[in-house]
Amino acid sequence: MSAQHHYLLKYIIIGDTMVGKSCILLRFIDQRFIPIHDMTVGVEFGNKTIEIPKEAGEPLKLKLQIWDTAGQEQFRSITRSYYRGAVGALLVYDITRRESFDSLEGWLKDTRAADANMVIMLIGNKTDLGYRRRVTKEEGEEFAKKHGLLFMETSAKEDKGITEAFEETAKMIIKKVEAGEIDVDSGNSGVKRGVLATDALKDPKKDAQKGCC
């Protein structure tokens, strides 16, 4: 009998507040979009199983465990603890807010400090607001190329690129696993069938502040 999933992969979604991280998670998990919602405090959590095709044989079933982290500076010490055990990260900025792009270096530094082998997808979100764009696609591509990141522009509102971002990140993770670049037996950053090295699950926390995707 085949396993329910071949690998359990921990993802984190990081970036400044108000860049649409929670909307990306909600769109991917539930295929819903809520433009106004509670601002994330600490972390929020979701999981979903996807299939990645293989050249031969049945596709790989991957269960993604996804942690949406708060973007506010006062919660950085809390959210950093959730980087442990992550093999994939979506580093998100808002194409309409230049400051969210300018802060990417700091987020990337934290992520690489947690695990230099983590697969990171840079995401320029809110392409549905292209008329308010302040960061060009070329700038995003250049940043990604400079730092060895995957890159994609997305719209959680219009459901553009969201599923692809998670799937392309997963494909790269599996390539690293198969190449031995991610140690599947490691307790730090590796994945193992049915096993994930991470802290105990905690309940998501929210406050009354409102955010916008």
C-alpha atoms as a PDB file:
ATOM      1  CA  MET A   1       0.000   0.000   0.000  1.00  0.00           C
ATOM      2  CA  SER A   2       1.371   3.398  -0.945  1.00  0.00           C
ATOM      3  CA  ALA A   3       1.973   6.039   1.678  1.00  0.00           C
ATOM      4  CA  GLN A   4      -0.448   8.950   2.007  1.00  0.00           C
ATOM      5  CA  HIS A   5       2.493  11.176   1.138  1.00  0.00           C
ATOM      6  CA  HIS A   6       6.119  10.576   0.263  1.00  0.00           C
ATOM      7  CA  TYR A   7       7.531  13.680   1.927  1.00  0.00           C
ATOM      8  CA  LEU A   8       6.337  16.198   4.460  1.00  0.00           C
ATOM      9  CA  LEU A   9       7.837  19.609   3.647  1.00  0.00           C
ATOM     10  CA  LYS A  10       7.822  22.586   5.939  1.00  0.00           C
ATOM     11  CA  TYR A  11       7.421  25.980   4.266  1.00  0.00           C
ATOM     12  CA  ILE A  12       7.564  29.468   5.709  1.00  0.00           C
ATOM     13  CA  ILE A  13       6.067  32.593   4.155  1.00  0.00           C
ATOM     14  CA  ILE A  14       8.060  35.687   5.081  1.00  0.00           C
ATOM     15  CA  GLY A  15       8.241  39.373   4.220  1.00  0.00           C
ATOM     16  CA  ASP A  16       7.013  42.746   5.424  1.00  0.00           C
ATOM     17  CA  THR A  17       3.540  43.251   6.822  1.00  0.00           C
ATOM     18  CA  MET A  18       0.748  43.972   4.321  1.00  0.00           C
ATOM     19  CA  VAL A  19       2.461  42.305   1.354  1.00  0.00           C
ATOM     20  CA  GLY A  20      -0.287  39.655   1.118  1.00  0.00           C
ATOM     21  CA  LYS A  21       1.310  36.651   2.826  1.00  0.00           C
ATOM     22  CA  SER A  22      -1.929  35.528   4.493  1.00  0.00           C
ATOM     23  CA  CYS A  23      -3.849  35.985   1.242  1.00  0.00           C
ATOM     24  CA  ILE A  24      -1.322  33.788  -0.558  1.00  0.00           C
ATOM     25  CA  LEU A  25      -1.761  31.076   2.074  1.00  0.00           C
ATOM     26  CA  LEU A  26      -5.567  31.316   2.018  1.00  0.00           C
ATOM     27  CA  ARG A  27      -5.703  31.236  -1.776  1.00  0.00           C
ATOM     28  CA  PHE A  28      -3.446  28.181  -1.952  1.00  0.00           C
ATOM     29  CA  ILE A  29      -5.118  26.221   0.858  1.00  0.00           C
ATOM     30  CA  ASP A  30      -8.795  27.125   0.417  1.00  0.00           C
ATOM     31  CA  GLN A  31      -8.991  28.839  -2.987  1.00  0.00           C
ATOM     32  CA  ARG A  32     -10.450  31.904  -1.284  1.00  0.00           C
ATOM     33  CA  PHE A  33      -9.551  35.571  -1.251  1.00  0.00           C
ATOM     34  CA  ILE A  34     -10.419  37.942   1.586  1.00  0.00           C
ATOM     35  CA  PRO A  35      -9.122  41.475   0.933  1.00  0.00           C
ATOM     36  CA  ILE A  36      -9.565  42.721   4.520  1.00  0.00           C
ATOM     37  CA  HIS A  37      -8.646  40.420   7.391  1.00  0.00           C
ATOM     38  CA  ASP A  38      -6.968  40.280  10.769  1.00  0.00           C
ATOM     39  CA  MET A  39      -3.267  41.061  10.677  1.00  0.00           C
ATOM     40  CA  THR A  40      -1.113  38.059  11.509  1.00  0.00           C
ATOM     41  CA  VAL A  41       0.419  38.101  14.963  1.00  0.00           C
ATOM     42  CA  GLY A  42       3.099  35.448  15.446  1.00  0.00           C
ATOM     43  CA  VAL A  43       2.209  32.765  12.897  1.00  0.00           C
ATOM     44  CA  GLU A  44      -0.709  31.196  11.059  1.00  0.00           C
ATOM     45  CA  PHE A  45      -0.710  27.654   9.747  1.00  0.00           C
ATOM     46  CA  GLY A  46      -2.105  25.597   6.890  1.00  0.00           C
ATOM     47  CA  ASN A  47      -1.321  22.354   5.083  1.00  0.00           C
ATOM     48  CA  LYS A  48      -2.062  20.870   1.684  1.00  0.00           C
ATOM     49  CA  THR A  49      -1.016  17.795  -0.273  1.00  0.00           C
ATOM     50  CA  ILE A  50       0.212  18.249  -3.833  1.00  0.00           C
ATOM     51  CA  GLU A  51       1.539  15.896  -6.485  1.00  0.00           C
ATOM     52  CA  ILE A  52       4.776  16.415  -8.395  1.00  0.00           C
ATOM     53  CA  PRO A  53       5.141  14.397 -11.612  1.00  0.00           C
ATOM     54  CA  LYS A  54       8.150  12.130 -12.117  1.00  0.00           C
ATOM     55  CA  GLU A  55       9.734  11.038 -15.381  1.00  0.00           C
ATOM     56  CA  ALA A  56       8.878   7.439 -14.566  1.00  0.00           C
ATOM     57  CA  GLY A  57       6.426   5.902 -12.148  1.00  0.00           C
ATOM     58  CA  GLU A  58       3.719   7.459 -10.031  1.00  0.00           C
ATOM     59  CA  PRO A  59       3.956  11.135  -9.086  1.00  0.00           C
ATOM     60  CA  LEU A  60       5.389  12.115  -5.729  1.00  0.00           C
ATOM     61  CA  LYS A  61       2.828  13.071  -3.118  1.00  0.00           C
ATOM     62  CA  LEU A  62       4.083  15.942  -0.991  1.00  0.00           C
ATOM     63  CA  LYS A  63       2.350  17.250   2.091  1.00  0.00           C
ATOM     64  CA  LEU A  64       3.198  20.919   2.571  1.00  0.00           C
ATOM     65  CA  GLN A  65       3.077  22.294   6.089  1.00  0.00           C
ATOM     66  CA  ILE A  66       2.999  26.074   5.671  1.00  0.00           C
ATOM     67  CA  TRP A  67       3.686  28.703   8.309  1.00  0.00           C
ATOM     68  CA  ASP A  68       2.623  32.283   7.532  1.00  0.00           C
ATOM     69  CA  THR A  69       4.751  34.568   9.702  1.00  0.00           C
ATOM     70  CA  ALA A  70       4.050  38.070  10.974  1.00  0.00           C
ATOM     71  CA  GLY A  71       5.853  40.876   9.167  1.00  0.00           C
ATOM     72  CA  GLN A  72       6.006  43.395  12.009  1.00  0.00           C
ATOM     73  CA  GLU A  73       9.430  43.987  13.493  1.00  0.00           C
ATOM     74  CA  GLN A  74       8.213  43.381  17.051  1.00  0.00           C
ATOM     75  CA  PHE A  75       7.368  39.770  16.171  1.00  0.00           C
ATOM     76  CA  ARG A  76      10.604  38.923  14.365  1.00  0.00           C
ATOM     77  CA  SER A  77      12.112  37.144  17.369  1.00  0.00           C
ATOM     78  CA  ILE A  78       8.999  34.939  17.563  1.00  0.00           C
ATOM     79  CA  THR A  79       8.762  34.152  13.878  1.00  0.00           C
ATOM     80  CA  ARG A  80      12.472  33.311  13.539  1.00  0.00           C
ATOM     81  CA  SER A  81      11.888  30.252  15.702  1.00  0.00           C
ATOM     82  CA  TYR A  82       9.618  28.866  12.981  1.00  0.00           C
ATOM     83  CA  TYR A  83      12.435  28.921  10.423  1.00  0.00           C
ATOM     84  CA  ARG A  84      13.886  25.820  12.066  1.00  0.00           C
ATOM     85  CA  GLY A  85      13.162  22.721  10.030  1.00  0.00           C
ATOM     86  CA  ALA A  86      11.880  24.644   6.993  1.00  0.00           C
ATOM     87  CA  VAL A  87      13.087  23.430   3.610  1.00  0.00           C
ATOM     88  CA  GLY A  88      11.201  26.004   1.538  1.00  0.00           C
ATOM     89  CA  ALA A  89      10.437  29.697   1.891  1.00  0.00           C
ATOM     90  CA  LEU A  90       8.295  32.155  -0.019  1.00  0.00           C
ATOM     91  CA  LEU A  91       9.898  35.585   0.374  1.00  0.00           C
ATOM     92  CA  VAL A  92       7.158  38.053  -0.512  1.00  0.00           C
ATOM     93  CA  TYR A  93       7.153  41.739  -1.399  1.00  0.00           C
ATOM     94  CA  ASP A  94       4.400  44.023  -2.676  1.00  0.00           C
ATOM     95  CA  ILE A  95       5.092  45.375  -6.166  1.00  0.00           C
ATOM     96  CA  THR A  96       3.224  48.581  -5.203  1.00  0.00           C
ATOM     97  CA  ARG A  97       5.325  49.278  -2.085  1.00  0.00           C
ATOM     98  CA  ARG A  98       8.986  49.993  -2.725  1.00  0.00           C
ATOM     99  CA  GLU A  99       9.887  49.702   0.948  1.00  0.00           C
ATOM    100  CA  SER A 100       8.779  46.056   1.034  1.00  0.00           C
ATOM    101  CA  PHE A 101      11.266  45.326  -1.754  1.00  0.00           C
ATOM    102  CA  ASP A 102      14.039  47.331  -0.090  1.00  0.00           C
ATOM    103  CA  SER A 103      13.721  45.234   3.085  1.00  0.00           C
ATOM    104  CA  LEU A 104      14.269  41.902   1.315  1.00  0.00           C
ATOM    105  CA  GLU A 105      17.970  41.796   2.219  1.00  0.00           C
ATOM    106  CA  GLY A 106      17.130  41.629   5.923  1.00  0.00           C
ATOM    107  CA  TRP A 107      14.592  38.835   5.480  1.00  0.00           C
ATOM    108  CA  LEU A 108      16.979  36.902   3.284  1.00  0.00           C
ATOM    109  CA  LYS A 109      19.758  37.240   5.858  1.00  0.00           C
ATOM    110  CA  ASP A 110      17.524  35.743   8.576  1.00  0.00           C
ATOM    111  CA  THR A 111      16.479  32.882   6.308  1.00  0.00           C
ATOM    112  CA  ARG A 112      19.980  31.994   5.191  1.00  0.00           C
ATOM    113  CA  ALA A 113      21.183  32.158   8.799  1.00  0.00           C
ATOM    114  CA  ALA A 114      18.575  29.529   9.705  1.00  0.00           C
ATOM    115  CA  ASP A 115      19.544  27.229   6.832  1.00  0.00           C
ATOM    116  CA  ALA A 116      21.775  28.074   3.884  1.00  0.00           C
ATOM    117  CA  ASN A 117      20.292  25.188   1.856  1.00  0.00           C
ATOM    118  CA  MET A 118      16.684  26.329   2.143  1.00  0.00           C
ATOM    119  CA  VAL A 119      14.978  26.725  -1.242  1.00  0.00           C
ATOM    120  CA  ILE A 120      13.641  30.273  -1.503  1.00  0.00           C
ATOM    121  CA  MET A 121      11.076  31.555  -3.970  1.00  0.00           C
ATOM    122  CA  LEU A 122      11.010  35.352  -4.302  1.00  0.00           C
ATOM    123  CA  ILE A 123       7.465  36.541  -4.952  1.00  0.00           C
ATOM    124  CA  GLY A 124       6.363  39.937  -6.220  1.00  0.00           C
ATOM    125  CA  ASN A 125       2.707  39.946  -5.144  1.00  0.00           C
ATOM    126  CA  LYS A 126      -0.315  42.087  -6.148  1.00  0.00           C
ATOM    127  CA  THR A 127       0.134  42.151  -9.908  1.00  0.00           C
ATOM    128  CA  ASP A 128      -3.597  42.965 -10.073  1.00  0.00           C
ATOM    129  CA  LEU A 129      -2.522  46.451  -8.919  1.00  0.00           C
ATOM    130  CA  GLY A 130      -0.071  46.887 -11.769  1.00  0.00           C
ATOM    131  CA  TYR A 131      -1.172  50.470 -12.344  1.00  0.00           C
ATOM    132  CA  ARG A 132       0.334  51.284  -8.930  1.00  0.00           C
ATOM    133  CA  ARG A 133       3.556  49.332  -9.531  1.00  0.00           C
ATOM    134  CA  ARG A 134       6.695  50.705  -7.861  1.00  0.00           C
ATOM    135  CA  VAL A 135       8.983  47.701  -8.407  1.00  0.00           C
ATOM    136  CA  THR A 136       9.579  46.433 -11.929  1.00  0.00           C
ATOM    137  CA  LYS A 137       9.562  42.759 -12.782  1.00  0.00           C
ATOM    138  CA  GLU A 138      13.141  43.158 -14.021  1.00  0.00           C
ATOM    139  CA  GLU A 139      14.235  44.379 -10.585  1.00  0.00           C
ATOM    140  CA  GLY A 140      12.688  41.314  -8.977  1.00  0.00           C
ATOM    141  CA  GLU A 141      14.384  39.034 -11.482  1.00  0.00           C
ATOM    142  CA  GLU A 142      17.727  40.755 -10.924  1.00  0.00           C
ATOM    143  CA  PHE A 143      17.476  40.423  -7.129  1.00  0.00           C
ATOM    144  CA  ALA A 144      16.562  36.749  -7.447  1.00  0.00           C
ATOM    145  CA  LYS A 145      19.419  36.056  -9.845  1.00  0.00           C
ATOM    146  CA  LYS A 146      21.920  37.881  -7.619  1.00  0.00           C
ATOM    147  CA  HIS A 147      20.957  35.815  -4.566  1.00  0.00           C
ATOM    148  CA  GLY A 148      20.255  32.471  -6.229  1.00  0.00           C
ATOM    149  CA  LEU A 149      16.497  32.524  -5.680  1.00  0.00           C
ATOM    150  CA  LEU A 150      13.560  31.311  -7.704  1.00  0.00           C
ATOM    151  CA  PHE A 151      11.304  34.138  -8.834  1.00  0.00           C
ATOM    152  CA  MET A 152       7.657  34.650  -9.716  1.00  0.00           C
ATOM    153  CA  GLU A 153       5.124  37.468  -9.749  1.00  0.00           C
ATOM    154  CA  THR A 154       1.685  36.615  -8.363  1.00  0.00           C
ATOM    155  CA  SER A 155      -1.781  37.893  -7.609  1.00  0.00           C
ATOM    156  CA  ALA A 156      -3.608  36.281  -4.696  1.00  0.00           C
ATOM    157  CA  LYS A 157      -6.727  38.224  -5.683  1.00  0.00           C
ATOM    158  CA  GLU A 158      -6.767  36.919  -9.260  1.00  0.00           C
ATOM    159  CA  ASP A 159      -5.232  33.536  -8.357  1.00  0.00           C
ATOM    160  CA  LYS A 160      -2.272  34.007 -10.658  1.00  0.00           C
ATOM    161  CA  GLY A 161       0.952  32.150  -9.931  1.00  0.00           C
ATOM    162  CA  ILE A 162       0.044  31.071  -6.395  1.00  0.00           C
ATOM    163  CA  THR A 163      -0.139  27.309  -6.911  1.00  0.00           C
ATOM    164  CA  GLU A 164       2.802  27.465  -9.308  1.00  0.00           C
ATOM    165  CA  ALA A 165       4.960  29.205  -6.681  1.00  0.00           C
ATOM    166  CA  PHE A 166       4.454  26.394  -4.173  1.00  0.00           C
ATOM    167  CA  GLU A 167       4.865  23.670  -6.776  1.00  0.00           C
ATOM    168  CA  GLU A 168       8.033  25.078  -8.352  1.00  0.00           C
ATOM    169  CA  THR A 169       9.572  25.469  -4.906  1.00  0.00           C
ATOM    170  CA  ALA A 170       8.649  21.859  -4.104  1.00  0.00           C
ATOM    171  CA  LYS A 171      10.223  20.605  -7.337  1.00  0.00           C
ATOM    172  CA  MET A 172      13.505  22.331  -6.473  1.00  0.00           C
ATOM    173  CA  ILE A 173      13.422  20.919  -2.934  1.00  0.00           C
ATOM    174  CA  ILE A 174      12.997  17.387  -4.298  1.00  0.00           C
ATOM    175  CA  LYS A 175      15.884  17.951  -6.723  1.00  0.00           C
ATOM    176  CA  LYS A 176      18.073  18.954  -3.785  1.00  0.00           C
ATOM    177  CA  VAL A 177      16.955  15.927  -1.799  1.00  0.00           C
ATOM    178  CA  GLU A 178      17.768  13.604  -4.696  1.00  0.00           C
ATOM    179  CA  ALA A 179      21.124  15.330  -5.258  1.00  0.00           C
ATOM    180  CA  GLY A 180      22.018  14.974  -1.593  1.00  0.00           C
ATOM    181  CA  GLU A 181      22.160  18.745  -1.059  1.00  0.00           C
ATOM    182  CA  ILE A 182      19.448  18.440   1.569  1.00  0.00           C
ATOM    183  CA  ASP A 183      20.138  15.619   4.002  1.00  0.00           C
ATOM    184  CA  VAL A 184      16.936  13.625   4.371  1.00  0.00           C
ATOM    185  CA  ASP A 185      18.177  12.231   7.670  1.00  0.00           C
ATOM    186  CA  SER A 186      19.110  15.623   9.102  1.00  0.00           C
ATOM    187  CA  GLY A 187      17.295  17.003  12.116  1.00  0.00           C
ATOM    188  CA  ASN A 188      18.003  20.568  11.040  1.00  0.00           C
ATOM    189  CA  SER A 189      16.732  21.128   7.528  1.00  0.00           C
ATOM    190  CA  GLY A 190      16.030  17.779   5.983  1.00  0.00           C
ATOM    191  CA  VAL A 191      12.825  16.057   5.047  1.00  0.00           C
ATOM    192  CA  LYS A 192      12.129  12.396   5.653  1.00  0.00           C
ATOM    193  CA  ARG A 193       9.159  10.275   4.684  1.00  0.00           C
ATOM    194  CA  GLY A 194       6.379  11.161   7.095  1.00  0.00           C
ATOM    195  CA  VAL A 195       8.764  13.084   9.362  1.00  0.00           C
ATOM    196  CA  LEU A 196       9.417  16.793   9.747  1.00  0.00           C
ATOM    197  CA  ALA A 197      11.991  18.342  12.057  1.00  0.00           C
ATOM    198  CA  THR A 198      10.123  21.245  13.627  1.00  0.00           C
ATOM    199  CA  ASP A 199       8.891  22.684  16.880  1.00  0.00           C
ATOM    200  CA  ALA A 200       5.583  21.503  18.315  1.00  0.00           C
ATOM    201  CA  LEU A 201       2.605  22.946  16.477  1.00  0.00           C
ATOM    202  CA  LYS A 202       1.162  26.061  18.002  1.00  0.00           C
ATOM    203  CA  ASP A 203      -2.229  27.640  17.501  1.00  0.00           C
ATOM    204  CA  PRO A 204      -2.371  30.694  15.235  1.00  0.00           C
ATOM    205  CA  LYS A 205      -2.807  33.997  17.054  1.00  0.00           C
ATOM    206  CA  LYS A 206      -4.567  37.100  15.778  1.00  0.00           C
ATOM    207  CA  ASP A 207      -5.423  40.568  17.012  1.00  0.00           C
ATOM    208  CA  ALA A 208      -8.025  43.105  15.972  1.00  0.00           C
ATOM    209  CA  GLN A 209      -5.801  45.041  13.574  1.00  0.00           C
ATOM    210  CA  LYS A 210      -6.818  44.815   9.938  1.00  0.00           C
ATOM    211  CA  GLY A 211      -4.604  44.029   6.982  1.00  0.00           C
ATOM    212  CA  CYS A 212      -5.124  44.242   3.261  1.00  0.00           C
ATOM    213  CA  CYS A 213      -4.026  41.894   0.487  1.00  0.00           C
END
